């Protein structure tokens, strides 16, 4: 089996038994840790896994040519991430980390028209699909768990409140939401603080639903949404917020992104960037994720982000690393998706369900045991634009913390 040398070096924690297409079993790893068994159903899959494991593993699971016999795909991916993270560098390392910066640059080159196509690939799927696993407000980004007992609805409400606290909002301030999704954060900021909010999205479906929500909430005079790339925006804003969008910008465009934030922000303005990051290195996006889930996407280390900020007139006034919050979010999403898997299959098909399960499971494994985390970076043009102590954030959150009402009008009914 062509994959055997790679697995023999990689699997040190736990045991992985692989049953090949010929029915023969090979076991890799030690005596401690979880024990899993997978079956490969044809020789073509064996070859593809040996030649390009990062792409072929997900494709094999999608196609049903690789199955996990005594566990779940999450168990398998967690085992692989745990071993990959602890493995010493070797000649095989490029198989997992990508082959060089010039290839990363090509994968991440996202001019406006390509960005629109990339967004449509993921975010213009059926709205019913997202209703199966997201909270009622459809917050499609890392939640904020004040307590492990928080349910998803509570944790997503915590996230919106946590972000608002860092924006130092008051009635009448003009806010730009770059990557506004289905509009939940924009509506929250307008409703909770009296701010005037403009949201930008490249998703036709998200734009339609967000605009409908603003009208239903009676907030169309203070909240509006546009199908527009951030690079095309004009005017100035007191506050700029971007949640879960930076991962779609691409390394070649980081400088343009921060130059645009600087151009749009008033002299005493404040911006807040919420994004997934890597703890170390600059690894290429997983090729399966790039092909099937987020074309053009890239998760950067802070060492790539901070230098781009430093080349503008912006101050980094606060950075917070959210460890494991996204892993917990994805745990909820995966459980919800699996509970309504039959409905997802009715919307699409079984292969799509296995693809989505692999995506949610792999993302959770990476954020729980890999090198990924979420960062929130506060930016300002003036050194004194925000208080010099962080107490104001906690004070604001405490003042605005309310019990989540079961019948709260979010504009989107739970499905």
Protein backbone atom coordinates (compact mmCIF):
# COMPACT_ATOMS: atom_id res chain seq x y z
CA UNK A 1 0.00 0.00 0.00
CA UNK A 2 1.53 3.28 -1.16
CA UNK A 3 0.17 5.11 1.89
CA UNK A 4 1.95 2.83 4.37
CA UNK A 5 5.32 4.69 4.61
CA UNK A 6 3.54 7.96 5.34
CA UNK A 7 1.30 6.46 8.02
CA UNK A 8 4.19 4.56 9.59
CA UNK A 9 6.02 7.83 10.20
CA UNK A 10 2.97 9.92 11.04
CA UNK A 11 0.93 7.83 13.47
CA UNK A 12 2.69 7.83 16.85
CA UNK A 13 -0.26 8.60 19.12
CA UNK A 14 -3.06 6.04 19.05
CA UNK A 15 -3.47 3.14 16.64
CA UNK A 16 -4.82 3.20 13.13
CA UNK A 17 -5.68 -0.03 11.36
CA UNK A 18 -6.14 0.25 7.61
CA UNK A 19 -7.88 -2.55 5.71
CA UNK A 20 -6.81 -2.31 2.10
CA UNK A 21 -8.72 -3.14 -1.05
CA UNK A 22 -7.26 -6.67 -0.95
CA UNK A 23 -8.71 -7.24 2.53
CA UNK A 24 -5.35 -7.20 4.30
CA UNK A 25 -5.01 -5.12 7.46
CA UNK A 26 -2.01 -3.03 8.50
CA UNK A 27 -1.77 -1.33 11.88
CA UNK A 28 0.18 1.86 12.56
CA UNK A 29 1.01 3.55 15.85
CA UNK A 30 1.57 2.54 19.43
CA UNK A 31 -0.29 0.95 22.29
CA UNK A 32 -1.70 4.11 23.89
CA UNK A 33 -4.44 6.39 22.66
CA UNK A 34 -7.56 5.76 20.60
CA UNK A 35 -7.77 2.82 18.22
CA UNK A 36 -9.54 3.25 14.89
CA UNK A 37 -10.10 1.10 11.84
CA UNK A 38 -10.72 2.35 8.33
CA UNK A 39 -11.45 0.39 5.18
CA UNK A 40 -10.35 1.36 1.69
CA UNK A 41 -12.69 -0.17 -0.87
CA UNK A 42 -10.71 0.00 -4.13
CA UNK A 43 -7.13 0.18 -5.38
CA UNK A 44 -7.67 3.51 -7.12
CA UNK A 45 -8.42 5.12 -3.77
CA UNK A 46 -5.27 3.54 -2.29
CA UNK A 47 -3.16 5.12 -5.01
CA UNK A 48 -4.80 8.53 -4.69
CA UNK A 49 -4.35 8.50 -0.90
CA UNK A 50 -0.69 7.66 -1.30
CA UNK A 51 -0.02 10.33 -3.92
CA UNK A 52 -2.10 13.22 -2.53
CA UNK A 53 -3.52 12.38 0.93
CA UNK A 54 -4.67 15.90 1.81
CA UNK A 55 -7.06 15.96 -1.15
CA UNK A 56 -7.83 12.27 -1.54
CA UNK A 57 -8.91 11.58 2.05
CA UNK A 58 -11.88 13.92 1.85
CA UNK A 59 -12.78 12.77 -1.66
CA UNK A 60 -12.65 9.12 -0.62
CA UNK A 61 -14.97 9.78 2.32
CA UNK A 62 -17.35 11.79 0.11
CA UNK A 63 -17.45 9.00 -2.48
CA UNK A 64 -17.87 6.22 0.06
CA UNK A 65 -14.62 4.53 -1.01
CA UNK A 66 -13.16 4.99 2.50
CA UNK A 67 -15.21 4.22 5.58
CA UNK A 68 -14.51 4.34 9.32
CA UNK A 69 -15.52 1.05 10.91
CA UNK A 70 -15.23 1.66 14.65
CA UNK A 71 -15.71 5.38 15.07
CA UNK A 72 -16.67 8.50 13.19
CA UNK A 73 -14.92 10.61 10.59
CA UNK A 74 -14.34 13.17 13.34
CA UNK A 75 -12.48 10.54 15.38
CA UNK A 76 -10.26 9.78 12.41
CA UNK A 77 -9.55 13.42 11.56
CA UNK A 78 -8.82 14.27 15.19
CA UNK A 79 -6.33 11.39 15.34
CA UNK A 80 -4.63 12.59 12.16
CA UNK A 81 -4.45 16.21 13.34
CA UNK A 82 -3.04 15.19 16.73
CA UNK A 83 -0.31 13.18 15.06
CA UNK A 84 0.39 15.75 12.37
CA UNK A 85 0.78 18.51 14.95
CA UNK A 86 3.29 16.50 16.98
CA UNK A 87 5.23 15.00 14.09
CA UNK A 88 8.82 16.17 13.52
CA UNK A 89 9.59 17.77 10.14
CA UNK A 90 10.54 15.33 7.42
CA UNK A 91 10.71 14.97 3.66
CA UNK A 92 6.98 14.24 3.81
CA UNK A 93 6.12 17.53 5.55
CA UNK A 94 5.33 19.35 2.27
CA UNK A 95 2.51 16.84 1.67
CA UNK A 96 0.75 18.31 4.69
CA UNK A 97 1.87 21.94 4.73
CA UNK A 98 1.83 22.88 1.05
CA UNK A 99 4.74 23.29 -1.32
CA UNK A 100 5.76 26.92 -1.24
CA UNK A 101 4.77 30.58 -1.07
CA UNK A 102 4.44 30.99 -4.83
CA UNK A 103 1.78 28.28 -4.98
CA UNK A 104 -0.01 29.84 -2.00
CA UNK A 105 0.00 33.20 -3.77
CA UNK A 106 -1.60 31.65 -6.86
CA UNK A 107 -4.29 29.89 -4.81
CA UNK A 108 -5.10 33.07 -2.88
CA UNK A 109 -5.20 35.56 -5.75
CA UNK A 110 -8.74 36.97 -5.42
CA UNK A 111 -9.59 39.90 -7.70
CA UNK A 112 -13.14 41.18 -7.34
CA UNK A 113 -14.79 38.97 -9.96
CA UNK A 114 -13.08 35.84 -8.66
CA UNK A 115 -14.03 36.78 -5.08
CA UNK A 116 -17.68 36.97 -6.14
CA UNK A 117 -17.52 33.49 -7.68
CA UNK A 118 -15.75 32.09 -4.59
CA UNK A 119 -18.40 33.50 -2.27
CA UNK A 120 -21.25 32.15 -4.42
CA UNK A 121 -19.69 28.68 -4.30
CA UNK A 122 -20.27 28.44 -0.54
CA UNK A 123 -22.69 31.10 0.65
CA UNK A 124 -25.29 30.88 -2.11
CA UNK A 125 -26.21 27.33 -1.21
CA UNK A 126 -29.78 26.69 -0.06
CA UNK A 127 -30.72 28.83 2.90
CA UNK A 128 -32.48 25.77 4.31
CA UNK A 129 -29.11 24.03 4.64
CA UNK A 130 -27.72 26.69 6.97
CA UNK A 131 -30.94 26.66 8.95
CA UNK A 132 -30.26 23.02 9.81
CA UNK A 133 -27.19 23.66 11.94
CA UNK A 134 -26.73 27.38 12.68
CA UNK A 135 -28.41 29.30 15.50
CA UNK A 136 -31.64 31.17 14.76
CA UNK A 137 -29.69 34.36 13.95
CA UNK A 138 -27.49 32.44 11.50
CA UNK A 139 -24.20 33.53 12.96
CA UNK A 140 -21.75 31.63 10.74
CA UNK A 141 -18.62 32.35 12.76
CA UNK A 142 -16.98 31.52 16.07
CA UNK A 143 -19.29 31.87 19.07
CA UNK A 144 -18.14 33.03 22.50
CA UNK A 145 -18.64 30.53 25.32
CA UNK A 146 -18.61 32.28 28.66
CA UNK A 147 -19.32 28.86 30.14
CA UNK A 148 -19.07 25.34 28.70
CA UNK A 149 -22.74 24.91 29.55
CA UNK A 150 -23.77 27.72 27.17
CA UNK A 151 -25.93 26.53 24.31
CA UNK A 152 -25.24 27.76 20.79
CA UNK A 153 -27.87 30.50 20.91
CA UNK A 154 -26.41 31.94 24.10
CA UNK A 155 -22.81 31.70 22.90
CA UNK A 156 -23.60 33.50 19.63
CA UNK A 157 -25.40 36.25 21.56
CA UNK A 158 -22.29 36.48 23.75
CA UNK A 159 -20.16 36.89 20.61
CA UNK A 160 -22.19 39.80 19.26
CA UNK A 161 -22.10 41.51 22.64
CA UNK A 162 -18.33 40.90 23.00
CA UNK A 163 -17.67 42.47 19.60
CA UNK A 164 -19.95 45.43 20.28
CA UNK A 165 -18.11 46.13 23.53
CA UNK A 166 -14.85 46.55 21.63
CA UNK A 167 -16.37 48.96 19.11
CA UNK A 168 -17.19 51.68 21.66
CA UNK A 169 -20.53 52.39 20.01
CA UNK A 170 -23.08 55.10 20.73
CA UNK A 171 -26.21 56.32 18.96
CA UNK A 172 -25.69 57.87 15.54
CA UNK A 173 -22.23 56.48 14.80
CA UNK A 174 -21.78 55.19 11.26
CA UNK A 175 -20.69 51.54 11.17
CA UNK A 176 -19.44 49.51 8.22
CA UNK A 177 -19.85 45.72 8.47
CA UNK A 178 -17.53 44.10 5.92
CA UNK A 179 -18.86 40.63 5.19
CA UNK A 180 -22.26 41.11 6.82
CA UNK A 181 -23.63 37.60 6.20
CA UNK A 182 -27.34 37.24 6.91
CA UNK A 183 -27.34 40.56 8.75
CA UNK A 184 -27.53 39.42 12.36
CA UNK A 185 -24.60 41.44 13.71
CA UNK A 186 -25.61 44.62 11.86
CA UNK A 187 -29.15 44.39 13.21
CA UNK A 188 -27.87 43.74 16.73
CA UNK A 189 -25.54 46.75 16.64
CA UNK A 190 -28.29 49.04 15.37
CA UNK A 191 -30.89 47.76 17.79
CA UNK A 192 -28.64 47.61 20.86
CA UNK A 193 -26.60 50.82 20.39
CA UNK A 194 -28.56 53.09 18.05
CA UNK A 195 -25.79 53.00 15.46
CA UNK A 196 -26.34 53.45 11.71
CA UNK A 197 -25.00 50.33 9.97
CA UNK A 198 -24.03 49.57 6.39
CA UNK A 199 -23.36 45.93 5.53
CA UNK A 200 -21.39 44.60 2.57
CA UNK A 201 -21.67 41.08 1.17
CA UNK A 202 -20.91 39.31 -2.10
CA UNK A 203 -23.57 36.65 -1.56
CA UNK A 204 -26.84 37.20 -3.42
CA UNK A 205 -28.72 34.95 -1.00
CA UNK A 206 -27.31 36.63 2.10
CA UNK A 207 -28.01 40.10 0.73
CA UNK A 208 -31.62 39.21 -0.01
CA UNK A 209 -32.27 37.70 3.41
CA UNK A 210 -30.45 40.46 5.33
CA UNK A 211 -32.42 43.18 3.53
CA UNK A 212 -35.69 41.37 4.31
CA UNK A 213 -34.69 41.10 7.96
CA UNK A 214 -33.94 44.80 8.25
CA UNK A 215 -37.34 45.64 6.83
CA UNK A 216 -39.13 43.14 9.08
CA UNK A 217 -37.37 44.59 12.13
CA UNK A 218 -38.37 48.16 11.17
CA UNK A 219 -34.70 49.15 10.90
CA UNK A 220 -34.37 49.89 7.19
CA UNK A 221 -33.78 53.55 7.97
CA UNK A 222 -30.65 52.67 9.99
CA UNK A 223 -29.49 49.37 8.48
CA UNK A 224 -28.92 48.71 4.82
CA UNK A 225 -27.01 46.03 2.88
CA UNK A 226 -25.20 46.17 -0.45
CA UNK A 227 -23.85 43.58 -2.87
CA UNK A 228 -20.42 45.14 -2.97
CA UNK A 229 -16.77 44.22 -2.58
CA UNK A 230 -14.99 46.01 0.26
CA UNK A 231 -12.50 47.44 -2.24
CA UNK A 232 -15.33 49.30 -3.99
CA UNK A 233 -16.69 51.02 -0.86
CA UNK A 234 -16.42 54.83 -0.58
CA UNK A 235 -17.09 57.38 2.13
CA UNK A 236 -15.98 57.27 5.75
CA UNK A 237 -17.16 55.46 8.86
CA UNK A 238 -16.78 55.91 12.60
CA UNK A 239 -16.52 52.17 13.15
CA UNK A 240 -15.64 49.21 10.93
CA UNK A 241 -16.25 45.60 11.87
CA UNK A 242 -15.45 42.43 9.94
CA UNK A 243 -16.33 38.96 11.25
CA UNK A 244 -15.40 35.75 9.44
CA UNK A 245 -14.62 37.52 6.17
CA UNK A 246 -10.85 38.05 6.35
CA UNK A 247 -10.28 34.34 5.67
CA UNK A 248 -11.56 35.00 2.13
CA UNK A 249 -9.29 37.98 1.40
CA UNK A 250 -6.15 36.03 0.43
CA UNK A 251 -2.55 36.84 1.30
CA UNK A 252 -1.83 38.85 -1.88
CA UNK A 253 -4.63 41.26 -0.87
CA UNK A 254 -3.90 41.75 2.84
CA UNK A 255 -2.25 45.11 2.24
CA UNK A 256 -5.16 46.30 0.11
CA UNK A 257 -7.56 45.20 2.84
CA UNK A 258 -5.87 47.21 5.59
CA UNK A 259 -5.27 50.17 3.29
CA UNK A 260 -9.02 50.14 2.58
CA UNK A 261 -9.89 49.99 6.29
CA UNK A 262 -7.59 52.95 6.89
CA UNK A 263 -9.10 54.90 3.98
CA UNK A 264 -12.67 54.34 5.17
CA UNK A 265 -12.06 55.01 8.88
CA UNK A 266 -12.43 58.52 10.31
CA UNK A 267 -9.41 59.94 12.23
CA UNK A 268 -10.80 58.98 15.67
CA UNK A 269 -12.45 55.76 14.43
CA UNK A 270 -12.14 52.20 15.69
CA UNK A 271 -12.16 48.93 13.74
CA UNK A 272 -12.52 45.33 14.90
CA UNK A 273 -11.31 42.33 12.89
CA UNK A 274 -12.51 38.85 13.92
CA UNK A 275 -10.87 36.03 11.94
CA UNK A 276 -9.40 32.54 12.07
CA UNK A 277 -5.62 32.42 12.35
CA UNK A 278 -2.77 29.96 12.59
CA UNK A 279 -0.51 29.65 15.60
CA UNK A 280 2.66 29.21 13.57
CA UNK A 281 3.95 29.17 10.04
CA UNK A 282 2.30 30.01 6.74
CA UNK A 283 0.69 26.84 5.47
CA UNK A 284 -1.24 26.50 2.26
CA UNK A 285 -4.97 25.97 2.54
CA UNK A 286 -5.90 22.29 2.65
CA UNK A 287 -6.52 21.36 -1.01
CA UNK A 288 -9.79 19.57 -0.21
CA UNK A 289 -11.13 22.63 1.61
CA UNK A 290 -9.96 24.85 -1.23
CA UNK A 291 -11.61 22.69 -3.91
CA UNK A 292 -14.91 21.83 -2.25
CA UNK A 293 -15.62 24.35 0.52
CA UNK A 294 -13.75 27.67 0.41
CA UNK A 295 -12.03 28.34 -2.94
CA UNK A 296 -9.56 31.18 -2.58
CA UNK A 297 -9.61 30.97 1.22
CA UNK A 298 -6.56 31.25 3.46
CA UNK A 299 -6.01 31.22 7.23
CA UNK A 300 -2.94 33.30 8.09
CA UNK A 301 -0.62 33.45 11.09
CA UNK A 302 -0.51 36.80 12.89
CA UNK A 303 3.06 37.16 11.63
CA UNK A 304 1.57 37.75 8.17
CA UNK A 305 -1.20 40.05 9.37
CA UNK A 306 0.57 42.45 11.73
CA UNK A 307 3.22 43.59 9.19
CA UNK A 308 0.43 44.65 6.80
CA UNK A 309 -1.17 46.75 9.52
CA UNK A 310 2.19 48.31 10.32
CA UNK A 311 2.44 49.61 6.74
CA UNK A 312 -0.67 51.73 7.25
CA UNK A 313 -1.45 54.57 9.68
CA UNK A 314 -3.37 52.17 11.93
CA UNK A 315 -2.55 51.24 15.51
CA UNK A 316 -3.11 47.72 16.79
CA UNK A 317 -4.83 48.73 20.03
CA UNK A 318 -5.92 45.31 21.28
CA UNK A 319 -5.52 41.64 20.34
CA UNK A 320 -7.42 38.75 21.91
CA UNK A 321 -6.89 35.09 21.06
CA UNK A 322 -10.02 32.96 21.37
CA UNK A 323 -8.77 29.44 22.10
CA UNK A 324 -11.18 26.53 21.64
CA UNK A 325 -14.27 28.75 21.29
CA UNK A 326 -14.52 27.84 17.61
CA UNK A 327 -13.94 24.15 18.34
CA UNK A 328 -16.93 24.29 20.68
CA UNK A 329 -18.96 26.15 18.05
CA UNK A 330 -18.19 23.48 15.47
CA UNK A 331 -19.05 20.75 17.96
CA UNK A 332 -22.55 22.23 18.15
CA UNK A 333 -22.78 22.70 14.38
CA UNK A 334 -21.72 19.12 13.64
CA UNK A 335 -24.15 17.66 16.19
CA UNK A 336 -27.01 19.75 14.78
CA UNK A 337 -26.15 18.81 11.22
CA UNK A 338 -25.98 15.10 12.02
CA UNK A 339 -29.32 15.28 13.85
CA UNK A 340 -30.92 16.68 10.67
CA UNK A 341 -28.80 14.82 8.16
CA UNK A 342 -31.85 13.32 6.43
CA UNK A 343 -33.14 16.80 5.70
CA UNK A 344 -29.79 17.79 4.22
CA UNK A 345 -29.85 14.69 2.01
CA UNK A 346 -33.33 15.67 0.81
CA UNK A 347 -31.97 19.11 -0.15
CA UNK A 348 -28.89 17.73 -1.92
CA UNK A 349 -27.75 14.08 -1.80
CA UNK A 350 -25.78 11.59 0.27
CA UNK A 351 -22.44 12.60 -1.23
CA UNK A 352 -23.09 16.23 -0.27
CA UNK A 353 -23.90 15.15 3.29
CA UNK A 354 -20.62 13.25 3.58
CA UNK A 355 -18.80 16.31 2.18
CA UNK A 356 -20.43 18.63 4.73
CA UNK A 357 -19.80 16.19 7.58
CA UNK A 358 -16.13 15.96 6.59
CA UNK A 359 -15.90 19.77 6.46
CA UNK A 360 -17.43 20.33 9.89
CA UNK A 361 -15.55 17.44 11.48
CA UNK A 362 -12.20 18.43 9.98
CA UNK A 363 -12.62 22.06 10.99
CA UNK A 364 -13.43 21.06 14.55
CA UNK A 365 -10.41 18.74 14.72
CA UNK A 366 -8.09 21.49 13.42
CA UNK A 367 -9.38 24.02 15.94
CA UNK A 368 -9.34 21.58 18.85
CA UNK A 369 -6.00 19.86 18.34
CA UNK A 370 -4.23 21.65 15.50
CA UNK A 371 -2.58 25.03 15.06
CA UNK A 372 -5.69 27.12 14.44
CA UNK A 373 -7.42 29.66 16.65
CA UNK A 374 -9.53 32.81 16.31
CA UNK A 375 -8.19 36.31 16.90
CA UNK A 376 -9.94 39.60 17.46
CA UNK A 377 -7.82 42.62 16.56
CA UNK A 378 -8.90 46.14 17.44
CA UNK A 379 -7.45 48.89 15.22
CA UNK A 380 -7.48 52.67 15.40
CA UNK A 381 -5.82 55.63 13.72
CA UNK A 382 -5.25 57.53 16.97
CA UNK A 383 -3.36 56.11 19.92
CA UNK A 384 -6.01 57.46 22.28
CA UNK A 385 -9.10 56.36 20.27
CA UNK A 386 -9.85 53.64 22.84
CA UNK A 387 -9.38 53.68 26.64
CA UNK A 388 -5.96 52.50 27.77
CA UNK A 389 -7.46 49.91 30.12
CA UNK A 390 -9.61 46.98 28.96
CA UNK A 391 -12.15 47.41 31.76
CA UNK A 392 -14.53 49.26 29.43
CA UNK A 393 -15.13 46.06 27.46
CA UNK A 394 -16.19 44.08 30.52
CA UNK A 395 -18.26 46.99 31.85
CA UNK A 396 -20.15 47.33 28.55
CA UNK A 397 -20.85 43.61 28.30
CA UNK A 398 -22.18 43.49 31.86
CA UNK A 399 -24.41 46.49 31.24
CA UNK A 400 -25.87 44.96 28.09
CA UNK A 401 -26.19 41.35 29.19
CA UNK A 402 -29.80 40.25 29.11
CA UNK A 403 -31.49 36.90 29.26
CA UNK A 404 -31.97 35.41 25.81
CA UNK A 405 -35.71 35.32 25.25
CA UNK A 406 -37.09 32.24 23.59
CA UNK A 407 -39.33 34.33 21.37
CA UNK A 408 -36.76 36.97 20.48
CA UNK A 409 -37.52 38.36 17.01
CA UNK A 410 -34.42 37.63 14.94
CA UNK A 411 -36.13 37.81 11.57
CA UNK A 412 -35.21 34.21 10.84
CA UNK A 413 -37.27 31.40 12.32
CA UNK A 414 -35.41 28.35 13.56
CA UNK A 415 -35.80 25.56 11.02
